[in-house]
Amino acid sequence: SELRLAHGLCPGGRIALLDTENGSASLYADRFTFDVMDMHAPFTVQKFLAAMDAAVKAGYDCLIIDSISAEWQELLAEKEMLDARGGNSFTNWASITKKHEDFKKAFVQAPIHIIVAMRSKQEYVLQTNDKGKQAPVKVGMGAVQREGFEYECSVVFDIDMAHHAKASKDRTSLFGEDLFLITEETGAQLREWLMKGGTPEPEPDP
């Protein structure tokens, strides 16, 4: 889905894929044209920043990162280590939050298209049952990433086990409520929407 989306978004363009999933991206090398970089643990923020910077400097049109859940899981592991050493558990978040903000800033400000994948998990909320007691209730799939990351994205697709996608966030208003399979045409729709915005005027010198 990521590769088909990227080829529709950047037809004829150069596509890079940063793979944190033990080389799984290379299984698609016979079907798509792209360059891959395998990342191995530890999945530090600095590695992600270096990869994004390298993709930009190398002139790629689109970078796929599969997955950015590895970044957040690494930060959570760092937080556990800080807590184990002592100190205030709340204030130990300061350095972790700074690293994550650096990651988000690089993602948002990158001058190329970036498509990211996030692992999913079952989410639960506590609700009062018919006996008046609090009980966990399934509410759907949640991303393995810091809460709120979807706000940094233009479009977010939730994808089920049958590869059907549904937009849970959509700045483009292109995709509605229907389930669909992501194809090159999906990327082409996004490209057309982006082109309608025109080229921004350069900022004047101060």
N, C-alpha and C. Protein backbone atom coordinates (compact mmCIF):
# COMPACT_ATOMS: atom_id res chain seq x y z
N SER A 1 0.83 -1.21 0.00
CA SER A 1 0.00 0.00 0.00
C SER A 1 0.87 1.26 0.00
N GLU A 2 1.92 1.25 0.82
CA GLU A 2 2.82 2.42 0.87
C GLU A 2 3.50 2.65 -0.47
N LEU A 3 3.99 1.59 -1.07
CA LEU A 3 4.72 1.73 -2.32
C LEU A 3 3.80 2.13 -3.47
N ARG A 4 2.61 1.59 -3.50
CA ARG A 4 1.66 1.96 -4.54
C ARG A 4 1.26 3.44 -4.37
N LEU A 5 1.04 3.84 -3.13
CA LEU A 5 0.70 5.24 -2.86
C LEU A 5 1.83 6.16 -3.31
N ALA A 6 3.06 5.79 -2.99
CA ALA A 6 4.22 6.62 -3.33
C ALA A 6 4.39 6.74 -4.84
N HIS A 7 4.21 5.65 -5.58
CA HIS A 7 4.39 5.70 -7.03
C HIS A 7 3.29 6.53 -7.70
N GLY A 8 2.10 6.54 -7.12
CA GLY A 8 1.06 7.40 -7.67
C GLY A 8 1.28 8.86 -7.32
N LEU A 9 1.84 9.09 -6.15
CA LEU A 9 2.11 10.46 -5.70
C LEU A 9 3.27 11.07 -6.46
N CYS A 10 4.26 10.26 -6.79
CA CYS A 10 5.48 10.75 -7.46
C CYS A 10 5.77 9.89 -8.69
N PRO A 11 4.93 9.96 -9.72
CA PRO A 11 5.15 9.12 -10.91
C PRO A 11 6.49 9.44 -11.57
N GLY A 12 7.29 8.40 -11.76
CA GLY A 12 8.60 8.60 -12.36
C GLY A 12 9.64 9.15 -11.41
N GLY A 13 9.23 9.42 -10.16
CA GLY A 13 10.15 10.00 -9.20
C GLY A 13 10.97 8.95 -8.48
N ARG A 14 11.93 9.41 -7.69
CA ARG A 14 12.79 8.52 -6.93
C ARG A 14 12.20 8.30 -5.54
N ILE A 15 12.08 7.04 -5.16
CA ILE A 15 11.45 6.68 -3.89
C ILE A 15 12.44 5.94 -3.01
N ALA A 16 12.56 6.38 -1.77
CA ALA A 16 13.41 5.72 -0.78
C ALA A 16 12.52 5.12 0.31
N LEU A 17 12.97 4.00 0.89
CA LEU A 17 12.20 3.37 1.95
C LEU A 17 13.14 3.03 3.10
N LEU A 18 12.84 3.57 4.26
CA LEU A 18 13.58 3.28 5.48
C LEU A 18 12.86 2.14 6.20
N ASP A 19 13.51 0.99 6.30
CA ASP A 19 12.88 -0.25 6.77
C ASP A 19 13.39 -0.60 8.16
N THR A 20 12.49 -0.56 9.15
CA THR A 20 12.82 -0.99 10.51
C THR A 20 12.30 -2.39 10.79
N GLU A 21 11.69 -3.04 9.79
CA GLU A 21 10.98 -4.30 9.99
C GLU A 21 11.78 -5.50 9.49
N ASN A 22 13.06 -5.52 9.81
CA ASN A 22 13.90 -6.68 9.54
C ASN A 22 13.97 -7.04 8.06
N GLY A 23 14.09 -6.03 7.22
CA GLY A 23 14.27 -6.25 5.79
C GLY A 23 13.04 -6.65 5.02
N SER A 24 11.86 -6.48 5.59
CA SER A 24 10.64 -6.94 4.92
C SER A 24 10.34 -6.15 3.65
N ALA A 25 10.79 -4.91 3.56
CA ALA A 25 10.50 -4.09 2.37
C ALA A 25 11.12 -4.70 1.12
N SER A 26 12.26 -5.34 1.27
CA SER A 26 12.95 -5.90 0.11
C SER A 26 12.16 -7.03 -0.55
N LEU A 27 11.17 -7.56 0.14
CA LEU A 27 10.33 -8.60 -0.45
C LEU A 27 9.52 -8.07 -1.62
N TYR A 28 9.40 -6.75 -1.73
CA TYR A 28 8.60 -6.14 -2.80
C TYR A 28 9.48 -5.61 -3.94
N ALA A 29 10.76 -5.93 -3.92
CA ALA A 29 11.69 -5.39 -4.91
C ALA A 29 11.38 -5.85 -6.33
N ASP A 30 10.68 -6.98 -6.47
CA ASP A 30 10.35 -7.47 -7.81
C ASP A 30 9.12 -6.80 -8.40
N ARG A 31 8.43 -6.00 -7.57
CA ARG A 31 7.17 -5.39 -8.03
C ARG A 31 7.23 -3.88 -8.12
N PHE A 32 8.18 -3.27 -7.41
CA PHE A 32 8.26 -1.81 -7.38
C PHE A 32 9.72 -1.38 -7.49
N THR A 33 9.90 -0.16 -7.99
CA THR A 33 11.23 0.43 -8.08
C THR A 33 11.42 1.40 -6.92
N PHE A 34 12.37 1.10 -6.06
CA PHE A 34 12.66 1.95 -4.92
C PHE A 34 14.01 1.55 -4.33
N ASP A 35 14.60 2.45 -3.57
CA ASP A 35 15.83 2.18 -2.85
C ASP A 35 15.51 2.00 -1.38
N VAL A 36 16.20 1.05 -0.74
CA VAL A 36 15.88 0.74 0.65
C VAL A 36 17.10 0.90 1.55
N MET A 37 16.87 1.40 2.75
CA MET A 37 17.89 1.42 3.79
C MET A 37 17.34 0.64 4.98
N ASP A 38 18.05 -0.40 5.38
CA ASP A 38 17.63 -1.19 6.54
C ASP A 38 18.17 -0.55 7.82
N MET A 39 17.28 -0.32 8.78
CA MET A 39 17.69 0.22 10.07
C MET A 39 17.55 -0.87 11.12
N HIS A 40 18.55 -0.97 11.96
CA HIS A 40 18.55 -1.97 13.01
C HIS A 40 18.60 -1.29 14.38
N ALA A 41 18.16 -2.03 15.40
CA ALA A 41 18.14 -1.51 16.76
C ALA A 41 19.55 -1.10 17.20
N PRO A 42 19.64 -0.08 18.04
CA PRO A 42 18.55 0.70 18.64
C PRO A 42 17.98 1.71 17.65
N PHE A 43 16.67 1.91 17.71
CA PHE A 43 15.97 2.79 16.76
C PHE A 43 15.91 4.20 17.34
N THR A 44 17.05 4.83 17.41
CA THR A 44 17.14 6.14 18.05
C THR A 44 16.59 7.23 17.14
N VAL A 45 16.15 8.30 17.75
CA VAL A 45 15.67 9.45 16.99
C VAL A 45 16.76 9.96 16.05
N GLN A 46 17.99 9.96 16.51
CA GLN A 46 19.09 10.47 15.69
C GLN A 46 19.22 9.69 14.39
N LYS A 47 18.98 8.38 14.43
CA LYS A 47 19.04 7.58 13.20
C LYS A 47 17.94 7.99 12.23
N PHE A 48 16.75 8.25 12.76
CA PHE A 48 15.64 8.68 11.90
C PHE A 48 15.94 10.06 11.29
N LEU A 49 16.49 10.95 12.10
CA LEU A 49 16.81 12.30 11.60
C LEU A 49 17.86 12.21 10.50
N ALA A 50 18.88 11.37 10.71
CA ALA A 50 19.94 11.22 9.72
C ALA A 50 19.39 10.65 8.42
N ALA A 51 18.47 9.69 8.52
CA ALA A 51 17.89 9.07 7.33
C ALA A 51 17.05 10.07 6.54
N MET A 52 16.24 10.85 7.24
CA MET A 52 15.43 11.87 6.55
C MET A 52 16.33 12.89 5.86
N ASP A 53 17.37 13.33 6.55
CA ASP A 53 18.30 14.30 5.98
C ASP A 53 19.01 13.71 4.76
N ALA A 54 19.40 12.44 4.84
CA ALA A 54 20.09 11.80 3.72
C ALA A 54 19.18 11.67 2.51
N ALA A 55 17.90 11.36 2.74
CA ALA A 55 16.95 11.23 1.62
C ALA A 55 16.76 12.56 0.91
N VAL A 56 16.68 13.64 1.69
CA VAL A 56 16.53 14.97 1.10
C VAL A 56 17.77 15.34 0.30
N LYS A 57 18.96 15.14 0.89
CA LYS A 57 20.20 15.53 0.21
C LYS A 57 20.46 14.68 -1.03
N ALA A 58 19.98 13.45 -1.04
CA ALA A 58 20.18 12.58 -2.18
C ALA A 58 19.18 12.84 -3.30
N GLY A 59 18.23 13.73 -3.08
CA GLY A 59 17.31 14.13 -4.13
C GLY A 59 16.12 13.21 -4.35
N TYR A 60 15.75 12.44 -3.31
CA TYR A 60 14.57 11.60 -3.45
C TYR A 60 13.31 12.45 -3.43
N ASP A 61 12.30 12.00 -4.16
CA ASP A 61 11.02 12.72 -4.20
C ASP A 61 10.10 12.30 -3.06
N CYS A 62 10.26 11.08 -2.59
CA CYS A 62 9.38 10.56 -1.54
C CYS A 62 10.18 9.60 -0.65
N LEU A 63 9.95 9.69 0.64
CA LEU A 63 10.56 8.78 1.61
C LEU A 63 9.44 8.05 2.33
N ILE A 64 9.51 6.73 2.36
CA ILE A 64 8.60 5.90 3.15
C ILE A 64 9.35 5.44 4.40
N ILE A 65 8.73 5.58 5.55
CA ILE A 65 9.32 5.07 6.79
C ILE A 65 8.39 4.00 7.35
N ASP A 66 8.89 2.79 7.43
CA ASP A 66 8.08 1.67 7.91
C ASP A 66 8.90 0.90 8.96
N SER A 67 8.65 1.16 10.25
CA SER A 67 7.57 2.01 10.74
C SER A 67 8.14 3.00 11.75
N ILE A 68 7.35 4.07 12.02
CA ILE A 68 7.78 5.02 13.02
C ILE A 68 7.38 4.60 14.43
N SER A 69 6.69 3.47 14.55
CA SER A 69 6.42 2.94 15.88
C SER A 69 7.72 2.58 16.59
N ALA A 70 8.73 2.18 15.80
CA ALA A 70 10.03 1.83 16.38
C ALA A 70 10.65 3.02 17.11
N GLU A 71 10.45 4.22 16.57
CA GLU A 71 10.99 5.44 17.21
C GLU A 71 10.37 5.62 18.59
N TRP A 72 9.06 5.51 18.69
CA TRP A 72 8.38 5.75 19.96
C TRP A 72 8.67 4.64 20.97
N GLN A 73 8.73 3.40 20.50
CA GLN A 73 9.03 2.30 21.40
C GLN A 73 10.44 2.43 21.97
N GLU A 74 11.37 2.93 21.16
CA GLU A 74 12.74 3.16 21.66
C GLU A 74 12.75 4.24 22.73
N LEU A 75 11.97 5.30 22.51
CA LEU A 75 11.91 6.37 23.51
C LEU A 75 11.27 5.89 24.81
N LEU A 76 10.27 5.05 24.71
CA LEU A 76 9.65 4.49 25.92
C LEU A 76 10.65 3.63 26.68
N ALA A 77 11.49 2.90 25.95
CA ALA A 77 12.52 2.09 26.61
C ALA A 77 13.54 3.00 27.31
N GLU A 78 13.88 4.13 26.68
CA GLU A 78 14.79 5.09 27.31
C GLU A 78 14.16 5.66 28.58
N LYS A 79 12.87 5.93 28.53
CA LYS A 79 12.18 6.47 29.70
C LYS A 79 12.22 5.46 30.85
N GLU A 80 12.02 4.18 30.56
CA GLU A 80 12.08 3.15 31.59
C GLU A 80 13.47 3.09 32.23
N MET A 81 14.50 3.26 31.42
CA MET A 81 15.87 3.25 31.94
C MET A 81 16.11 4.44 32.86
N LEU A 82 15.60 5.61 32.47
CA LEU A 82 15.75 6.80 33.32
C LEU A 82 15.04 6.61 34.64
N ASP A 83 13.85 6.05 34.60
CA ASP A 83 13.09 5.82 35.83
C ASP A 83 13.80 4.82 36.74
N ALA A 84 14.43 3.82 36.12
CA ALA A 84 15.13 2.80 36.91
C ALA A 84 16.33 3.38 37.64
N ARG A 85 16.90 4.44 37.07
CA ARG A 85 18.07 5.06 37.70
C ARG A 85 17.68 5.99 38.85
N GLY A 86 16.39 6.27 38.95
CA GLY A 86 15.90 7.15 40.01
C GLY A 86 15.45 8.49 39.47
N GLY A 87 15.25 9.43 40.36
CA GLY A 87 14.76 10.74 39.95
C GLY A 87 13.25 10.76 39.87
N ASN A 88 12.73 11.87 39.41
CA ASN A 88 11.28 12.05 39.32
C ASN A 88 10.76 11.48 38.01
N SER A 89 9.81 10.58 38.10
CA SER A 89 9.28 9.93 36.91
C SER A 89 8.66 10.92 35.94
N PHE A 90 8.05 11.98 36.48
CA PHE A 90 7.42 12.99 35.63
C PHE A 90 8.47 13.83 34.92
N THR A 91 9.46 14.32 35.65
CA THR A 91 10.48 15.18 35.03
C THR A 91 11.38 14.39 34.08
N ASN A 92 11.43 13.06 34.24
CA ASN A 92 12.22 12.25 33.31
C ASN A 92 11.66 12.30 31.89
N TRP A 93 10.42 12.75 31.74
CA TRP A 93 9.83 12.88 30.41
C TRP A 93 10.47 14.01 29.61
N ALA A 94 11.13 14.96 30.26
CA ALA A 94 11.62 16.16 29.58
C ALA A 94 12.54 15.83 28.40
N SER A 95 13.56 15.01 28.64
CA SER A 95 14.51 14.70 27.57
C SER A 95 13.85 13.83 26.50
N ILE A 96 12.94 12.96 26.91
CA ILE A 96 12.23 12.10 25.95
C ILE A 96 11.35 12.94 25.04
N THR A 97 10.63 13.88 25.63
CA THR A 97 9.74 14.75 24.85
C THR A 97 10.54 15.59 23.87
N LYS A 98 11.70 16.10 24.28
CA LYS A 98 12.52 16.91 23.39
C LYS A 98 12.95 16.11 22.16
N LYS A 99 13.39 14.87 22.38
CA LYS A 99 13.81 14.05 21.26
C LYS A 99 12.64 13.79 20.30
N HIS A 100 11.48 13.51 20.87
CA HIS A 100 10.31 13.24 20.02
C HIS A 100 9.89 14.50 19.26
N GLU A 101 9.99 15.66 19.89
CA GLU A 101 9.66 16.91 19.19
C GLU A 101 10.64 17.16 18.05
N ASP A 102 11.92 16.81 18.24
CA ASP A 102 12.90 16.94 17.15
C ASP A 102 12.51 16.04 15.98
N PHE A 103 12.02 14.83 16.30
CA PHE A 103 11.59 13.91 15.26
C PHE A 103 10.38 14.48 14.50
N LYS A 104 9.40 14.98 15.23
CA LYS A 104 8.20 15.54 14.59
C LYS A 104 8.55 16.74 13.73
N LYS A 105 9.44 17.58 14.22
CA LYS A 105 9.82 18.78 13.46
C LYS A 105 10.46 18.40 12.13
N ALA A 106 11.35 17.42 12.15
CA ALA A 106 12.00 16.98 10.91
C ALA A 106 10.99 16.39 9.95
N PHE A 107 10.03 15.65 10.48
CA PHE A 107 8.98 15.04 9.66
C PHE A 107 8.11 16.11 8.99
N VAL A 108 7.66 17.08 9.77
CA VAL A 108 6.74 18.10 9.25
C VAL A 108 7.44 19.04 8.28
N GLN A 109 8.69 19.37 8.54
CA GLN A 109 9.38 20.38 7.74
C GLN A 109 10.17 19.81 6.57
N ALA A 110 10.16 18.52 6.39
CA ALA A 110 10.91 17.92 5.28
C ALA A 110 10.39 18.44 3.94
N PRO A 111 11.27 18.80 3.02
CA PRO A 111 10.84 19.35 1.72
C PRO A 111 10.50 18.28 0.69
N ILE A 112 10.32 17.04 1.13
CA ILE A 112 9.88 15.97 0.24
C ILE A 112 8.66 15.30 0.86
N HIS A 113 7.97 14.48 0.06
CA HIS A 113 6.83 13.73 0.59
C HIS A 113 7.35 12.64 1.54
N ILE A 114 6.68 12.48 2.67
CA ILE A 114 7.02 11.39 3.59
C ILE A 114 5.75 10.60 3.90
N ILE A 115 5.83 9.31 3.66
CA ILE A 115 4.74 8.38 4.00
C ILE A 115 5.24 7.51 5.15
N VAL A 116 4.48 7.45 6.23
CA VAL A 116 4.92 6.66 7.37
C VAL A 116 3.88 5.59 7.70
N ALA A 117 4.38 4.48 8.23
CA ALA A 117 3.50 3.43 8.74
C ALA A 117 3.63 3.39 10.25
N MET A 118 2.52 3.06 10.91
CA MET A 118 2.52 2.87 12.35
C MET A 118 1.85 1.55 12.66
N ARG A 119 2.45 0.79 13.56
CA ARG A 119 1.80 -0.42 14.01
C ARG A 119 0.54 -0.05 14.79
N SER A 120 -0.35 -1.02 14.94
CA SER A 120 -1.61 -0.73 15.63
C SER A 120 -1.80 -1.68 16.80
N LYS A 121 -2.62 -1.26 17.72
CA LYS A 121 -2.93 -2.05 18.90
C LYS A 121 -4.40 -1.85 19.23
N GLN A 122 -4.95 -2.79 19.98
CA GLN A 122 -6.34 -2.66 20.43
C GLN A 122 -6.40 -1.66 21.57
N GLU A 123 -7.29 -0.70 21.48
CA GLU A 123 -7.45 0.28 22.54
C GLU A 123 -8.68 -0.04 23.38
N TYR A 124 -8.60 0.31 24.64
CA TYR A 124 -9.70 0.09 25.58
C TYR A 124 -9.97 1.38 26.34
N VAL A 125 -11.21 1.55 26.75
CA VAL A 125 -11.60 2.62 27.66
C VAL A 125 -12.40 2.01 28.79
N LEU A 126 -12.40 2.68 29.93
CA LEU A 126 -13.21 2.21 31.05
C LEU A 126 -14.61 2.81 30.95
N GLN A 127 -15.61 1.94 30.98
CA GLN A 127 -16.99 2.39 30.95
C GLN A 127 -17.76 1.72 32.08
N THR A 128 -18.82 2.39 32.53
CA THR A 128 -19.66 1.83 33.60
C THR A 128 -20.63 0.83 33.00
N ASN A 129 -20.59 -0.42 33.51
CA ASN A 129 -21.47 -1.45 32.99
C ASN A 129 -22.83 -1.42 33.68
N ASP A 130 -23.70 -2.39 33.34
CA ASP A 130 -25.05 -2.39 33.89
C ASP A 130 -25.09 -2.69 35.38
N LYS A 131 -23.95 -3.09 35.94
CA LYS A 131 -23.87 -3.33 37.39
C LYS A 131 -23.27 -2.13 38.13
N GLY A 132 -23.03 -1.06 37.38
CA GLY A 132 -22.49 0.14 37.99
C GLY A 132 -21.00 0.11 38.25
N LYS A 133 -20.31 -0.89 37.68
CA LYS A 133 -18.88 -1.02 37.88
C LYS A 133 -18.13 -0.64 36.61
N GLN A 134 -16.89 -0.14 36.80
CA GLN A 134 -16.04 0.21 35.66
C GLN A 134 -15.46 -1.06 35.05
N ALA A 135 -15.56 -1.16 33.73
CA ALA A 135 -15.04 -2.33 33.03
C ALA A 135 -14.41 -1.88 31.71
N PRO A 136 -13.31 -2.53 31.29
CA PRO A 136 -12.68 -2.16 30.02
C PRO A 136 -13.53 -2.57 28.83
N VAL A 137 -13.63 -1.67 27.84
CA VAL A 137 -14.41 -1.93 26.63
C VAL A 137 -13.53 -1.63 25.43
N LYS A 138 -13.52 -2.53 24.43
CA LYS A 138 -12.75 -2.30 23.21
C LYS A 138 -13.34 -1.13 22.43
N VAL A 139 -12.47 -0.25 21.95
CA VAL A 139 -12.94 0.89 21.17
C VAL A 139 -12.25 0.99 19.81
N GLY A 140 -11.51 -0.04 19.42
CA GLY A 140 -10.90 0.01 18.10
C GLY A 140 -9.39 0.01 18.18
N MET A 141 -8.77 0.25 17.04
CA MET A 141 -7.33 0.16 16.93
C MET A 141 -6.68 1.51 17.17
N GLY A 142 -5.60 1.51 17.94
CA GLY A 142 -4.85 2.73 18.18
C GLY A 142 -3.43 2.57 17.67
N ALA A 143 -2.81 3.66 17.23
CA ALA A 143 -1.45 3.61 16.69
C ALA A 143 -0.44 3.46 17.81
N VAL A 144 0.62 2.67 17.55
CA VAL A 144 1.74 2.56 18.47
C VAL A 144 2.67 3.73 18.17
N GLN A 145 2.36 4.84 18.80
CA GLN A 145 3.07 6.09 18.60
C GLN A 145 2.54 7.05 19.66
N ARG A 146 3.27 8.11 19.95
CA ARG A 146 2.80 9.03 20.97
C ARG A 146 1.45 9.62 20.56
N GLU A 147 0.57 9.72 21.52
CA GLU A 147 -0.77 10.23 21.26
C GLU A 147 -0.71 11.60 20.59
N GLY A 148 -1.51 11.76 19.56
CA GLY A 148 -1.58 13.05 18.87
C GLY A 148 -0.72 13.15 17.63
N PHE A 149 0.08 12.11 17.32
CA PHE A 149 0.96 12.23 16.16
C PHE A 149 0.18 12.43 14.87
N GLU A 150 -1.03 11.90 14.81
CA GLU A 150 -1.81 12.03 13.58
C GLU A 150 -2.09 13.48 13.20
N TYR A 151 -2.01 14.39 14.19
CA TYR A 151 -2.24 15.80 13.89
C TYR A 151 -1.14 16.38 13.00
N GLU A 152 0.01 15.71 12.94
CA GLU A 152 1.11 16.20 12.11
C GLU A 152 0.95 15.76 10.66
N CYS A 153 -0.01 14.89 10.39
CA CYS A 153 -0.17 14.30 9.05
C CYS A 153 -1.30 14.99 8.28
N SER A 154 -1.17 15.01 6.96
CA SER A 154 -2.23 15.56 6.13
C SER A 154 -3.37 14.57 5.97
N VAL A 155 -3.02 13.28 5.82
CA VAL A 155 -4.02 12.23 5.69
C VAL A 155 -3.56 11.04 6.53
N VAL A 156 -4.49 10.42 7.23
CA VAL A 156 -4.21 9.20 7.98
C VAL A 156 -5.19 8.12 7.53
N PHE A 157 -4.65 6.99 7.10
CA PHE A 157 -5.48 5.85 6.72
C PHE A 157 -5.37 4.76 7.79
N ASP A 158 -6.50 4.28 8.26
CA ASP A 158 -6.54 3.08 9.09
C ASP A 158 -6.74 1.90 8.15
N ILE A 159 -5.88 0.89 8.25
CA ILE A 159 -5.91 -0.23 7.31
C ILE A 159 -6.16 -1.52 8.07
N ASP A 160 -7.16 -2.29 7.63
CA ASP A 160 -7.51 -3.53 8.32
C ASP A 160 -6.68 -4.70 7.79
N MET A 161 -6.92 -5.89 8.34
CA MET A 161 -6.14 -7.06 7.97
C MET A 161 -6.35 -7.49 6.52
N ALA A 162 -7.44 -7.03 5.91
CA ALA A 162 -7.70 -7.34 4.50
C ALA A 162 -7.18 -6.23 3.58
N HIS A 163 -6.40 -5.31 4.15
CA HIS A 163 -5.77 -4.21 3.41
C HIS A 163 -6.75 -3.12 2.98
N HIS A 164 -7.96 -3.14 3.52
CA HIS A 164 -8.91 -2.07 3.21
C HIS A 164 -8.58 -0.85 4.08
N ALA A 165 -8.62 0.31 3.46
CA ALA A 165 -8.26 1.55 4.13
C ALA A 165 -9.49 2.42 4.34
N LYS A 166 -9.44 3.20 5.40
CA LYS A 166 -10.46 4.21 5.67
C LYS A 166 -9.76 5.42 6.26
N ALA A 167 -10.10 6.59 5.78
CA ALA A 167 -9.44 7.81 6.26
C ALA A 167 -9.99 8.19 7.62
N SER A 168 -9.12 8.22 8.62
CA SER A 168 -9.52 8.69 9.94
C SER A 168 -9.19 10.16 10.12
N LYS A 169 -8.33 10.68 9.25
CA LYS A 169 -8.08 12.12 9.16
C LYS A 169 -7.82 12.45 7.71
N ASP A 170 -8.41 13.54 7.23
CA ASP A 170 -8.30 13.84 5.80
C ASP A 170 -8.44 15.34 5.57
N ARG A 171 -7.31 16.01 5.44
CA ARG A 171 -7.35 17.44 5.12
C ARG A 171 -7.80 17.71 3.70
N THR A 172 -7.75 16.68 2.86
CA THR A 172 -8.08 16.86 1.44
C THR A 172 -9.57 16.75 1.16
N SER A 173 -10.32 16.10 2.05
CA SER A 173 -11.75 15.81 1.84
C SER A 173 -11.99 14.96 0.60
N LEU A 174 -11.01 14.11 0.26
CA LEU A 174 -11.12 13.28 -0.94
C LEU A 174 -11.73 11.91 -0.68
N PHE A 175 -11.62 11.40 0.55
CA PHE A 175 -11.81 9.96 0.72
C PHE A 175 -13.08 9.55 1.46
N GLY A 176 -13.75 10.42 2.12
CA GLY A 176 -15.04 10.11 2.70
C GLY A 176 -15.00 8.99 3.72
N GLU A 177 -16.12 8.25 3.84
CA GLU A 177 -16.28 7.22 4.85
C GLU A 177 -16.12 5.81 4.30
N ASP A 178 -15.92 5.66 3.01
CA ASP A 178 -15.90 4.34 2.39
C ASP A 178 -14.58 3.61 2.62
N LEU A 179 -14.65 2.28 2.67
CA LEU A 179 -13.47 1.44 2.68
C LEU A 179 -12.98 1.26 1.25
N PHE A 180 -11.67 1.23 1.05
CA PHE A 180 -11.13 1.06 -0.29
C PHE A 180 -9.72 0.51 -0.19
N LEU A 181 -9.20 0.02 -1.31
CA LEU A 181 -7.83 -0.44 -1.39
C LEU A 181 -6.96 0.70 -1.90
N ILE A 182 -5.84 0.94 -1.25
CA ILE A 182 -4.91 1.97 -1.68
C ILE A 182 -4.19 1.50 -2.94
N THR A 183 -4.24 2.33 -3.98
CA THR A 183 -3.58 2.03 -5.25
C THR A 183 -2.79 3.25 -5.69
N GLU A 184 -2.16 3.13 -6.86
CA GLU A 184 -1.46 4.28 -7.43
C GLU A 184 -2.42 5.44 -7.67
N GLU A 185 -3.67 5.12 -7.96
CA GLU A 185 -4.67 6.17 -8.17
C GLU A 185 -4.88 6.99 -6.91
N THR A 186 -4.76 6.38 -5.73
CA THR A 186 -4.88 7.11 -4.47
C THR A 186 -3.78 8.17 -4.39
N GLY A 187 -2.57 7.78 -4.74
CA GLY A 187 -1.46 8.74 -4.76
C GLY A 187 -1.66 9.83 -5.79
N ALA A 188 -2.22 9.45 -6.96
CA ALA A 188 -2.48 10.43 -8.01
C ALA A 188 -3.51 11.47 -7.54
N GLN A 189 -4.51 11.01 -6.79
CA GLN A 189 -5.50 11.94 -6.24
C GLN A 189 -4.84 12.95 -5.29
N LEU A 190 -3.94 12.45 -4.46
CA LEU A 190 -3.25 13.35 -3.54
C LEU A 190 -2.36 14.33 -4.30
N ARG A 191 -1.69 13.84 -5.35
CA ARG A 191 -0.84 14.72 -6.15
C ARG A 191 -1.65 15.83 -6.80
N GLU A 192 -2.79 15.48 -7.36
CA GLU A 192 -3.65 16.47 -8.01
C GLU A 192 -4.14 17.50 -7.00
N TRP A 193 -4.50 17.04 -5.80
CA TRP A 193 -4.97 17.96 -4.76
C TRP A 193 -3.86 18.93 -4.36
N LEU A 194 -2.64 18.42 -4.22
CA LEU A 194 -1.52 19.27 -3.85
C LEU A 194 -1.21 20.31 -4.93
N MET A 195 -1.33 19.91 -6.19
CA MET A 195 -1.01 20.82 -7.29
C MET A 195 -2.01 21.95 -7.40
N LYS A 196 -3.21 21.74 -6.91
CA LYS A 196 -4.21 22.80 -6.95
C LYS A 196 -3.84 23.97 -6.06
N GLY A 197 -2.96 23.70 -5.09
CA GLY A 197 -2.55 24.77 -4.18
C GLY A 197 -1.61 25.77 -4.81
N GLY A 198 -1.01 25.41 -5.96
CA GLY A 198 -0.08 26.32 -6.60
C GLY A 198 1.26 26.34 -5.88
N THR A 199 2.16 27.19 -6.39
CA THR A 199 3.47 27.33 -5.79
C THR A 199 3.46 28.54 -4.85
N PRO A 200 3.86 28.35 -3.59
CA PRO A 200 3.83 29.48 -2.66
C PRO A 200 4.81 30.57 -3.06
N GLU A 201 4.43 31.80 -2.82
CA GLU A 201 5.31 32.93 -3.10
C GLU A 201 6.49 32.90 -2.12
N PRO A 202 7.69 33.21 -2.60
CA PRO A 202 8.84 33.24 -1.68
C PRO A 202 8.65 34.35 -0.64
N GLU A 203 9.13 34.08 0.57
CA GLU A 203 9.04 35.09 1.62
C GLU A 203 9.98 36.24 1.31
N PRO A 204 9.53 37.47 1.52
CA PRO A 204 10.41 38.61 1.23
C PRO A 204 11.56 38.67 2.21
N ASP A 205 12.68 39.24 1.75
CA ASP A 205 13.82 39.42 2.64
C ASP A 205 13.44 40.41 3.74
N PRO A 206 13.93 40.18 4.96
CA PRO A 206 13.61 41.13 6.05
C PRO A 206 14.23 42.48 5.79
